[in-house]
Amino acid sequence: MSNPMDQFQEATIKAQCKQLRMPVIAAQFRSLAEQAVREKKSHIGYLEALLAAELEERERNTIAHRIKEAHLPRVKTLEEFDYTQSPNVSAAKMRELAEGGYLERAEPILFIGECGTGKTHLLTGLCVAACRQKKRVRFATAAALVNELVEAKHQLQLRRVLARWSRYDLIAIDEVGYVPLAEVGAEFLFQVIAERAEKAAVIMTTNLPFSEWTQVIPNARLCKALLDRITDRAHILETGTESYRFRRTAEKRNRPAKTAESNKS
């Protein structure tokens, strides 16, 4: 049992750690001190272990905050992606992108493919990888982004909202092409993309080939200008046409039938 002096010192250290906002050191200084004695560490070695524990926890908290701030629909990583189900997607290319060089070079990324081919998972995985590098990231569907900007215009807050979007290191726009955009919405989408050109990265997913984007943005001149911005120096990856989700569902449905047939035989 510790003596009153030890208890007083521990209480003082915890109070000081609270003032300095070092909760990990407050929680671990005693156990790490005992470990240092067992391992015959020097005072400097003990201090190094304390500071390393605090920094590791702060890094975890920063990454968790970045992921929460990104507003991802689901947290999915590239490590979880099944490349065997998506032969069109290069695992080596995705690992290269995950390293983050495209962020520093402000290069766009476009995933093009039918529904269920893994576009959103790949986009989300790159967002998580960027968050792990402590980048500020924001996800939105194209429809949600346009609706937010239209609402901001009505409330005379458009400039403030556009400025907020411009501060992110990476924005990820999902489902371009699923919902046709009114001309004002298309103009807002163009404005967001144009303001980031050669300054900050954008990732987009679409189910439409570029030749069909006028279905979403009927103004041909605006559509051409948007494509010109988003494809300049871009990484363009095609995820294919066969839905992984549909194939998985079909396989699950076929399993009971095959089991029943084998039982009969």
C-alpha atoms as a PDB file:
ATOM      1  CA  MET A   1       0.000   0.000   0.000  1.00  0.00           C
ATOM      2  CA  SER A   2       1.382   3.392  -1.006  1.00  0.00           C
ATOM      3  CA  ASN A   3       2.276   5.890   1.722  1.00  0.00           C
ATOM      4  CA  PRO A   4       0.580   9.314   2.064  1.00  0.00           C
ATOM      5  CA  MET A   5       3.474  11.072   0.293  1.00  0.00           C
ATOM      6  CA  ASP A   6       3.128   8.762  -2.737  1.00  0.00           C
ATOM      7  CA  GLN A   7      -0.621   9.349  -2.798  1.00  0.00           C
ATOM      8  CA  PHE A   8      -0.082  13.106  -2.631  1.00  0.00           C
ATOM      9  CA  GLN A   9       2.470  12.986  -5.485  1.00  0.00           C
ATOM     10  CA  GLU A  10       0.149  10.871  -7.618  1.00  0.00           C
ATOM     11  CA  ALA A  11      -2.738  13.262  -7.029  1.00  0.00           C
ATOM     12  CA  THR A  12      -0.486  16.227  -7.894  1.00  0.00           C
ATOM     13  CA  ILE A  13       0.748  14.574 -11.102  1.00  0.00           C
ATOM     14  CA  LYS A  14      -2.812  13.766 -12.184  1.00  0.00           C
ATOM     15  CA  ALA A  15      -3.913  17.350 -11.505  1.00  0.00           C
ATOM     16  CA  GLN A  16      -0.966  18.682 -13.489  1.00  0.00           C
ATOM     17  CA  CYS A  17      -1.687  16.297 -16.349  1.00  0.00           C
ATOM     18  CA  LYS A  18      -5.281  17.481 -16.383  1.00  0.00           C
ATOM     19  CA  GLN A  19      -4.115  21.089 -16.679  1.00  0.00           C
ATOM     20  CA  LEU A  20      -1.719  20.130 -19.478  1.00  0.00           C
ATOM     21  CA  ARG A  21      -4.400  17.964 -21.147  1.00  0.00           C
ATOM     22  CA  MET A  22      -2.343  14.793 -20.986  1.00  0.00           C
ATOM     23  CA  PRO A  23      -4.869  12.134 -19.932  1.00  0.00           C
ATOM     24  CA  VAL A  24      -2.789   9.162 -21.107  1.00  0.00           C
ATOM     25  CA  ILE A  25       0.202  10.143 -18.986  1.00  0.00           C
ATOM     26  CA  ALA A  26      -2.162  10.620 -16.038  1.00  0.00           C
ATOM     27  CA  ALA A  27      -3.542   7.134 -16.537  1.00  0.00           C
ATOM     28  CA  GLN A  28      -0.271   5.320 -17.281  1.00  0.00           C
ATOM     29  CA  PHE A  29       2.566   7.064 -15.444  1.00  0.00           C
ATOM     30  CA  ARG A  30       2.406   4.649 -12.496  1.00  0.00           C
ATOM     31  CA  SER A  31       2.320   1.429 -14.571  1.00  0.00           C
ATOM     32  CA  LEU A  32       5.007   2.708 -16.948  1.00  0.00           C
ATOM     33  CA  ALA A  33       7.185   3.680 -13.945  1.00  0.00           C
ATOM     34  CA  GLU A  34       6.893   0.130 -12.590  1.00  0.00           C
ATOM     35  CA  GLN A  35       7.714  -1.240 -16.056  1.00  0.00           C
ATOM     36  CA  ALA A  36      10.744   1.056 -16.286  1.00  0.00           C
ATOM     37  CA  VAL A  37      12.037  -0.270 -12.956  1.00  0.00           C
ATOM     38  CA  ARG A  38      11.584  -3.891 -14.084  1.00  0.00           C
ATOM     39  CA  GLU A  39      13.338  -3.228 -17.395  1.00  0.00           C
ATOM     40  CA  LYS A  40      16.040  -1.067 -15.753  1.00  0.00           C
ATOM     41  CA  LYS A  41      15.241   1.897 -18.005  1.00  0.00           C
ATOM     42  CA  SER A  42      16.852   5.276 -17.447  1.00  0.00           C
ATOM     43  CA  HIS A  43      14.833   8.346 -16.467  1.00  0.00           C
ATOM     44  CA  ILE A  44      15.057   9.512 -20.082  1.00  0.00           C
ATOM     45  CA  GLY A  45      13.818   6.112 -21.287  1.00  0.00           C
ATOM     46  CA  TYR A  46      10.857   6.347 -18.908  1.00  0.00           C
ATOM     47  CA  LEU A  47      10.052   9.873 -20.107  1.00  0.00           C
ATOM     48  CA  GLU A  48      10.261   8.742 -23.724  1.00  0.00           C
ATOM     49  CA  ALA A  49       7.764   5.910 -23.044  1.00  0.00           C
ATOM     50  CA  LEU A  50       5.366   8.332 -21.354  1.00  0.00           C
ATOM     51  CA  LEU A  51       5.436  10.845 -24.197  1.00  0.00           C
ATOM     52  CA  ALA A  52       5.144   8.104 -26.846  1.00  0.00           C
ATOM     53  CA  ALA A  53       2.000   6.750 -25.168  1.00  0.00           C
ATOM     54  CA  GLU A  54       0.452  10.234 -25.098  1.00  0.00           C
ATOM     55  CA  LEU A  55       1.322  10.924 -28.732  1.00  0.00           C
ATOM     56  CA  GLU A  56      -0.029   7.559 -29.921  1.00  0.00           C
ATOM     57  CA  GLU A  57      -3.369   8.221 -28.235  1.00  0.00           C
ATOM     58  CA  ARG A  58      -3.537  11.741 -29.651  1.00  0.00           C
ATOM     59  CA  GLU A  59      -2.875  10.392 -33.143  1.00  0.00           C
ATOM     60  CA  ARG A  60      -5.661   7.817 -32.754  1.00  0.00           C
ATOM     61  CA  ASN A  61      -8.032  10.538 -31.546  1.00  0.00           C
ATOM     62  CA  THR A  62      -7.094  12.852 -34.419  1.00  0.00           C
ATOM     63  CA  ILE A  63      -7.743  10.123 -36.985  1.00  0.00           C
ATOM     64  CA  ALA A  64     -11.060   9.205 -35.340  1.00  0.00           C
ATOM     65  CA  HIS A  65     -12.073  12.882 -35.409  1.00  0.00           C
ATOM     66  CA  ARG A  66     -11.105  13.193 -39.077  1.00  0.00           C
ATOM     67  CA  ILE A  67     -13.185  10.120 -39.974  1.00  0.00           C
ATOM     68  CA  LYS A  68     -16.184  11.431 -38.023  1.00  0.00           C
ATOM     69  CA  GLU A  69     -15.833  14.866 -39.665  1.00  0.00           C
ATOM     70  CA  ALA A  70     -15.820  13.224 -43.113  1.00  0.00           C
ATOM     71  CA  HIS A  71     -19.497  12.157 -42.773  1.00  0.00           C
ATOM     72  CA  LEU A  72     -18.880   8.829 -44.496  1.00  0.00           C
ATOM     73  CA  PRO A  73     -22.020   6.717 -45.040  1.00  0.00           C
ATOM     74  CA  ARG A  74     -20.110   3.673 -43.718  1.00  0.00           C
ATOM     75  CA  VAL A  75     -16.497   3.345 -42.657  1.00  0.00           C
ATOM     76  CA  LYS A  76     -14.986   0.917 -45.164  1.00  0.00           C
ATOM     77  CA  THR A  77     -11.282   0.447 -45.777  1.00  0.00           C
ATOM     78  CA  LEU A  78      -9.325  -0.633 -48.832  1.00  0.00           C
ATOM     79  CA  GLU A  79      -8.027  -3.585 -46.802  1.00  0.00           C
ATOM     80  CA  GLU A  80     -11.611  -4.877 -46.687  1.00  0.00           C
ATOM     81  CA  PHE A  81     -12.187  -4.588 -50.438  1.00  0.00           C
ATOM     82  CA  ASP A  82     -12.481  -7.937 -52.266  1.00  0.00           C
ATOM     83  CA  TYR A  83     -10.453  -7.469 -55.435  1.00  0.00           C
ATOM     84  CA  THR A  84     -11.257 -11.022 -56.569  1.00  0.00           C
ATOM     85  CA  GLN A  85     -14.860  -9.911 -57.054  1.00  0.00           C
ATOM     86  CA  SER A  86     -13.786  -6.811 -59.017  1.00  0.00           C
ATOM     87  CA  PRO A  87     -11.154  -7.934 -61.540  1.00  0.00           C
ATOM     88  CA  ASN A  88     -11.231  -4.557 -63.313  1.00  0.00           C
ATOM     89  CA  VAL A  89      -9.805  -2.824 -60.228  1.00  0.00           C
ATOM     90  CA  SER A  90      -6.047  -2.973 -59.712  1.00  0.00           C
ATOM     91  CA  ALA A  91      -5.061  -3.579 -56.097  1.00  0.00           C
ATOM     92  CA  ALA A  92      -1.603  -2.155 -56.839  1.00  0.00           C
ATOM     93  CA  LYS A  93      -3.111   1.040 -58.228  1.00  0.00           C
ATOM     94  CA  MET A  94      -5.348   1.450 -55.180  1.00  0.00           C
ATOM     95  CA  ARG A  95      -2.389   0.932 -52.830  1.00  0.00           C
ATOM     96  CA  GLU A  96      -0.493   3.602 -54.753  1.00  0.00           C
ATOM     97  CA  LEU A  97      -3.413   6.039 -54.457  1.00  0.00           C
ATOM     98  CA  ALA A  98      -3.806   5.262 -50.755  1.00  0.00           C
ATOM     99  CA  GLU A  99      -0.260   6.547 -50.169  1.00  0.00           C
ATOM    100  CA  GLY A 100      -1.685  10.012 -50.851  1.00  0.00           C
ATOM    101  CA  GLY A 101       0.531  11.408 -53.584  1.00  0.00           C
ATOM    102  CA  TYR A 102      -2.546  12.511 -55.522  1.00  0.00           C
ATOM    103  CA  LEU A 103      -3.516  14.713 -52.556  1.00  0.00           C
ATOM    104  CA  GLU A 104      -0.247  16.607 -52.654  1.00  0.00           C
ATOM    105  CA  ARG A 105      -0.504  16.982 -56.442  1.00  0.00           C
ATOM    106  CA  ALA A 106      -4.224  17.896 -56.320  1.00  0.00           C
ATOM    107  CA  GLU A 107      -5.104  15.198 -58.855  1.00  0.00           C
ATOM    108  CA  PRO A 108      -8.753  14.165 -59.298  1.00  0.00           C
ATOM    109  CA  ILE A 109      -9.872  10.525 -59.125  1.00  0.00           C
ATOM    110  CA  LEU A 110     -12.914   9.187 -60.979  1.00  0.00           C
ATOM    111  CA  PHE A 111     -14.512   5.785 -60.499  1.00  0.00           C
ATOM    112  CA  ILE A 112     -16.773   4.844 -63.407  1.00  0.00           C
ATOM    113  CA  GLY A 113     -18.982   1.751 -63.329  1.00  0.00           C
ATOM    114  CA  GLU A 114     -22.431   0.306 -62.885  1.00  0.00           C
ATOM    115  CA  CYS A 115     -24.228   0.035 -59.543  1.00  0.00           C
ATOM    116  CA  GLY A 116     -22.801  -2.565 -57.185  1.00  0.00           C
ATOM    117  CA  THR A 117     -19.299  -2.646 -58.676  1.00  0.00           C
ATOM    118  CA  GLY A 118     -17.536  -1.212 -55.614  1.00  0.00           C
ATOM    119  CA  LYS A 119     -17.227   2.472 -56.528  1.00  0.00           C
ATOM    120  CA  THR A 120     -18.451   3.831 -53.184  1.00  0.00           C
ATOM    121  CA  HIS A 121     -16.368   1.314 -51.218  1.00  0.00           C
ATOM    122  CA  LEU A 122     -13.216   2.353 -53.094  1.00  0.00           C
ATOM    123  CA  LEU A 123     -14.030   6.053 -52.664  1.00  0.00           C
ATOM    124  CA  THR A 124     -14.672   5.529 -48.945  1.00  0.00           C
ATOM    125  CA  GLY A 125     -11.477   3.521 -48.567  1.00  0.00           C
ATOM    126  CA  LEU A 126      -9.430   6.362 -50.037  1.00  0.00           C
ATOM    127  CA  CYS A 127     -11.204   8.801 -47.708  1.00  0.00           C
ATOM    128  CA  VAL A 128     -10.251   6.666 -44.692  1.00  0.00           C
ATOM    129  CA  ALA A 129      -6.654   6.444 -45.951  1.00  0.00           C
ATOM    130  CA  ALA A 130      -6.546  10.260 -46.224  1.00  0.00           C
ATOM    131  CA  CYS A 131      -7.983  10.606 -42.708  1.00  0.00           C
ATOM    132  CA  ARG A 132      -5.219   8.311 -41.437  1.00  0.00           C
ATOM    133  CA  GLN A 133      -2.790  10.859 -42.897  1.00  0.00           C
ATOM    134  CA  LYS A 134      -4.672  13.464 -40.841  1.00  0.00           C
ATOM    135  CA  LYS A 135      -6.146  15.191 -43.890  1.00  0.00           C
ATOM    136  CA  ARG A 136      -9.475  17.003 -43.664  1.00  0.00           C
ATOM    137  CA  VAL A 137     -11.992  15.056 -45.740  1.00  0.00           C
ATOM    138  CA  ARG A 138     -15.672  15.507 -46.574  1.00  0.00           C
ATOM    139  CA  PHE A 139     -18.050  13.069 -48.290  1.00  0.00           C
ATOM    140  CA  ALA A 140     -21.382  13.887 -49.924  1.00  0.00           C
ATOM    141  CA  THR A 141     -23.557  12.549 -52.694  1.00  0.00           C
ATOM    142  CA  ALA A 142     -23.844  14.887 -55.669  1.00  0.00           C
ATOM    143  CA  ALA A 143     -27.525  15.474 -54.877  1.00  0.00           C
ATOM    144  CA  ALA A 144     -26.831  16.265 -51.208  1.00  0.00           C
ATOM    145  CA  LEU A 145     -24.009  18.675 -52.072  1.00  0.00           C
ATOM    146  CA  VAL A 146     -26.156  20.535 -54.616  1.00  0.00           C
ATOM    147  CA  ASN A 147     -29.116  20.676 -52.225  1.00  0.00           C
ATOM    148  CA  GLU A 148     -26.884  22.111 -49.482  1.00  0.00           C
ATOM    149  CA  LEU A 149     -25.610  24.829 -51.813  1.00  0.00           C
ATOM    150  CA  VAL A 150     -29.096  25.686 -53.129  1.00  0.00           C
ATOM    151  CA  GLU A 151     -30.348  25.984 -49.545  1.00  0.00           C
ATOM    152  CA  ALA A 152     -27.342  28.151 -48.655  1.00  0.00           C
ATOM    153  CA  LYS A 153     -28.150  30.474 -51.549  1.00  0.00           C
ATOM    154  CA  HIS A 154     -31.733  30.849 -50.338  1.00  0.00           C
ATOM    155  CA  GLN A 155     -30.430  31.726 -46.862  1.00  0.00           C
ATOM    156  CA  LEU A 156     -27.820  34.144 -48.282  1.00  0.00           C
ATOM    157  CA  GLN A 157     -25.055  31.913 -46.916  1.00  0.00           C
ATOM    158  CA  LEU A 158     -23.638  30.600 -50.204  1.00  0.00           C
ATOM    159  CA  ARG A 159     -20.242  32.284 -49.931  1.00  0.00           C
ATOM    160  CA  ARG A 160     -19.721  30.962 -46.392  1.00  0.00           C
ATOM    161  CA  VAL A 161     -20.716  27.409 -47.337  1.00  0.00           C
ATOM    162  CA  LEU A 162     -18.519  27.391 -50.451  1.00  0.00           C
ATOM    163  CA  ALA A 163     -15.609  28.653 -48.344  1.00  0.00           C
ATOM    164  CA  ARG A 164     -16.151  25.782 -45.879  1.00  0.00           C
ATOM    165  CA  TRP A 165     -16.072  23.207 -48.688  1.00  0.00           C
ATOM    166  CA  SER A 166     -12.914  24.776 -50.105  1.00  0.00           C
ATOM    167  CA  ARG A 167     -11.044  24.225 -46.823  1.00  0.00           C
ATOM    168  CA  TYR A 168     -11.134  20.428 -47.041  1.00  0.00           C
ATOM    169  CA  ASP A 169      -7.991  18.683 -48.280  1.00  0.00           C
ATOM    170  CA  LEU A 170     -10.193  16.149 -50.067  1.00  0.00           C
ATOM    171  CA  ILE A 171     -13.844  16.133 -51.047  1.00  0.00           C
ATOM    172  CA  ALA A 172     -15.543  12.945 -52.216  1.00  0.00           C
ATOM    173  CA  ILE A 173     -18.663  13.301 -54.369  1.00  0.00           C
ATOM    174  CA  ASP A 174     -20.641  10.094 -54.797  1.00  0.00           C
ATOM    175  CA  GLU A 175     -23.370   9.143 -57.283  1.00  0.00           C
ATOM    176  CA  VAL A 176     -22.821  11.730 -60.013  1.00  0.00           C
ATOM    177  CA  GLY A 177     -25.263  10.741 -62.730  1.00  0.00           C
ATOM    178  CA  TYR A 178     -27.932   9.052 -60.638  1.00  0.00           C
ATOM    179  CA  VAL A 179     -30.108  12.165 -60.408  1.00  0.00           C
ATOM    180  CA  PRO A 180     -30.368  14.812 -63.182  1.00  0.00           C
ATOM    181  CA  LEU A 181     -29.332  18.254 -61.954  1.00  0.00           C
ATOM    182  CA  ALA A 182     -31.231  21.467 -62.547  1.00  0.00           C
ATOM    183  CA  GLU A 183     -29.109  24.103 -64.232  1.00  0.00           C
ATOM    184  CA  VAL A 184     -28.489  26.015 -60.997  1.00  0.00           C
ATOM    185  CA  GLY A 185     -27.403  22.767 -59.312  1.00  0.00           C
ATOM    186  CA  ALA A 186     -25.056  21.931 -62.174  1.00  0.00           C
ATOM    187  CA  GLU A 187     -23.571  25.433 -61.935  1.00  0.00           C
ATOM    188  CA  PHE A 188     -22.919  24.949 -58.209  1.00  0.00           C
ATOM    189  CA  LEU A 189     -21.258  21.566 -58.823  1.00  0.00           C
ATOM    190  CA  PHE A 190     -19.065  23.157 -61.483  1.00  0.00           C
ATOM    191  CA  GLN A 191     -18.161  25.981 -59.109  1.00  0.00           C
ATOM    192  CA  VAL A 192     -17.029  23.556 -56.391  1.00  0.00           C
ATOM    193  CA  ILE A 193     -14.925  21.547 -58.868  1.00  0.00           C
ATOM    194  CA  ALA A 194     -13.485  24.568 -60.670  1.00  0.00           C
ATOM    195  CA  GLU A 195     -12.368  26.249 -57.447  1.00  0.00           C
ATOM    196  CA  ARG A 196     -10.382  23.135 -56.467  1.00  0.00           C
ATOM    197  CA  ALA A 197      -8.709  22.614 -59.868  1.00  0.00           C
ATOM    198  CA  GLU A 198      -4.931  22.203 -59.348  1.00  0.00           C
ATOM    199  CA  LYS A 199      -5.382  23.289 -55.703  1.00  0.00           C
ATOM    200  CA  ALA A 200      -7.014  20.373 -53.876  1.00  0.00           C
ATOM    201  CA  ALA A 201      -8.121  16.832 -54.651  1.00  0.00           C
ATOM    202  CA  VAL A 202     -11.577  15.572 -55.589  1.00  0.00           C
ATOM    203  CA  ILE A 203     -12.836  11.994 -55.854  1.00  0.00           C
ATOM    204  CA  MET A 204     -16.038  11.299 -57.804  1.00  0.00           C
ATOM    205  CA  THR A 205     -18.063   8.222 -58.653  1.00  0.00           C
ATOM    206  CA  THR A 206     -20.415   7.941 -61.603  1.00  0.00           C
ATOM    207  CA  ASN A 207     -22.433   5.267 -63.343  1.00  0.00           C
ATOM    208  CA  LEU A 208     -22.311   7.128 -66.662  1.00  0.00           C
ATOM    209  CA  PRO A 209     -19.626   7.239 -69.357  1.00  0.00           C
ATOM    210  CA  PHE A 210     -18.534  10.780 -70.129  1.00  0.00           C
ATOM    211  CA  SER A 211     -20.482  10.743 -73.416  1.00  0.00           C
ATOM    212  CA  GLU A 212     -23.732  10.496 -71.413  1.00  0.00           C
ATOM    213  CA  TRP A 213     -23.093  13.234 -68.834  1.00  0.00           C
ATOM    214  CA  THR A 214     -25.412  15.583 -70.722  1.00  0.00           C
ATOM    215  CA  GLN A 215     -28.232  13.449 -69.266  1.00  0.00           C
ATOM    216  CA  VAL A 216     -27.261  14.887 -65.884  1.00  0.00           C
ATOM    217  CA  ILE A 217     -26.057  18.320 -67.019  1.00  0.00           C
ATOM    218  CA  PRO A 218     -28.210  19.280 -70.021  1.00  0.00           C
ATOM    219  CA  ASN A 219     -26.270  22.499 -70.665  1.00  0.00           C
ATOM    220  CA  ALA A 220     -23.688  21.093 -73.109  1.00  0.00           C
ATOM    221  CA  ARG A 221     -21.222  23.944 -72.636  1.00  0.00           C
ATOM    222  CA  LEU A 222     -21.323  23.663 -68.837  1.00  0.00           C
ATOM    223  CA  CYS A 223     -21.055  19.873 -69.050  1.00  0.00           C
ATOM    224  CA  LYS A 224     -17.978  20.134 -71.276  1.00  0.00           C
ATOM    225  CA  ALA A 225     -16.370  22.668 -68.925  1.00  0.00           C
ATOM    226  CA  LEU A 226     -17.005  20.424 -65.896  1.00  0.00           C
ATOM    227  CA  LEU A 227     -15.542  17.373 -67.630  1.00  0.00           C
ATOM    228  CA  ASP A 228     -12.553  19.438 -68.716  1.00  0.00           C
ATOM    229  CA  ARG A 229     -11.819  20.345 -65.068  1.00  0.00           C
ATOM    230  CA  ILE A 230     -12.494  16.949 -63.503  1.00  0.00           C
ATOM    231  CA  THR A 231     -10.545  14.883 -66.056  1.00  0.00           C
ATOM    232  CA  ASP A 232      -7.455  17.102 -66.186  1.00  0.00           C
ATOM    233  CA  ARG A 233      -4.524  15.034 -64.767  1.00  0.00           C
ATOM    234  CA  ALA A 234      -7.123  12.630 -63.344  1.00  0.00           C
ATOM    235  CA  HIS A 235      -6.824   8.996 -62.315  1.00  0.00           C
ATOM    236  CA  ILE A 236      -9.754   7.352 -64.141  1.00  0.00           C
ATOM    237  CA  LEU A 237     -10.634   3.847 -62.946  1.00  0.00           C
ATOM    238  CA  GLU A 238     -13.388   1.676 -64.418  1.00  0.00           C
ATOM    239  CA  THR A 239     -15.002  -0.747 -61.972  1.00  0.00           C
ATOM    240  CA  GLY A 240     -16.959  -2.709 -64.590  1.00  0.00           C
ATOM    241  CA  THR A 241     -20.584  -3.475 -65.371  1.00  0.00           C
ATOM    242  CA  GLU A 242     -21.359  -6.627 -63.361  1.00  0.00           C
ATOM    243  CA  SER A 243     -22.854  -5.904 -59.947  1.00  0.00           C
ATOM    244  CA  TYR A 244     -20.977  -7.646 -57.131  1.00  0.00           C
ATOM    245  CA  ARG A 245     -23.973  -7.151 -54.822  1.00  0.00           C
ATOM    246  CA  PHE A 246     -26.360  -8.742 -57.334  1.00  0.00           C
ATOM    247  CA  ARG A 247     -23.996 -11.664 -57.905  1.00  0.00           C
ATOM    248  CA  ARG A 248     -23.602 -12.175 -54.139  1.00  0.00           C
ATOM    249  CA  THR A 249     -27.383 -12.159 -53.647  1.00  0.00           C
ATOM    250  CA  ALA A 250     -27.845 -14.655 -56.490  1.00  0.00           C
ATOM    251  CA  GLU A 251     -25.216 -16.960 -55.006  1.00  0.00           C
ATOM    252  CA  LYS A 252     -26.969 -16.894 -51.610  1.00  0.00           C
ATOM    253  CA  ARG A 253     -30.286 -17.757 -53.231  1.00  0.00           C
ATOM    254  CA  ASN A 254     -28.750 -20.645 -55.169  1.00  0.00           C
ATOM    255  CA  ARG A 255     -27.103 -22.191 -52.120  1.00  0.00           C
ATOM    256  CA  PRO A 256     -30.312 -23.515 -50.457  1.00  0.00           C
ATOM    257  CA  ALA A 257     -31.462 -24.946 -53.782  1.00  0.00           C
ATOM    258  CA  LYS A 258     -28.156 -26.772 -54.313  1.00  0.00           C
ATOM    259  CA  THR A 259     -28.247 -28.034 -50.713  1.00  0.00           C
ATOM    260  CA  ALA A 260     -31.796 -29.382 -51.207  1.00  0.00           C
ATOM    261  CA  GLU A 261     -30.770 -31.147 -54.431  1.00  0.00           C
ATOM    262  CA  SER A 262     -27.743 -32.756 -52.770  1.00  0.00           C
ATOM    263  CA  ASN A 263     -29.914 -33.953 -49.862  1.00  0.00           C
ATOM    264  CA  LYS A 264     -32.336 -35.596 -52.313  1.00  0.00           C
ATOM    265  CA  SER A 265     -29.534 -37.389 -54.056  1.00  0.00           C
END
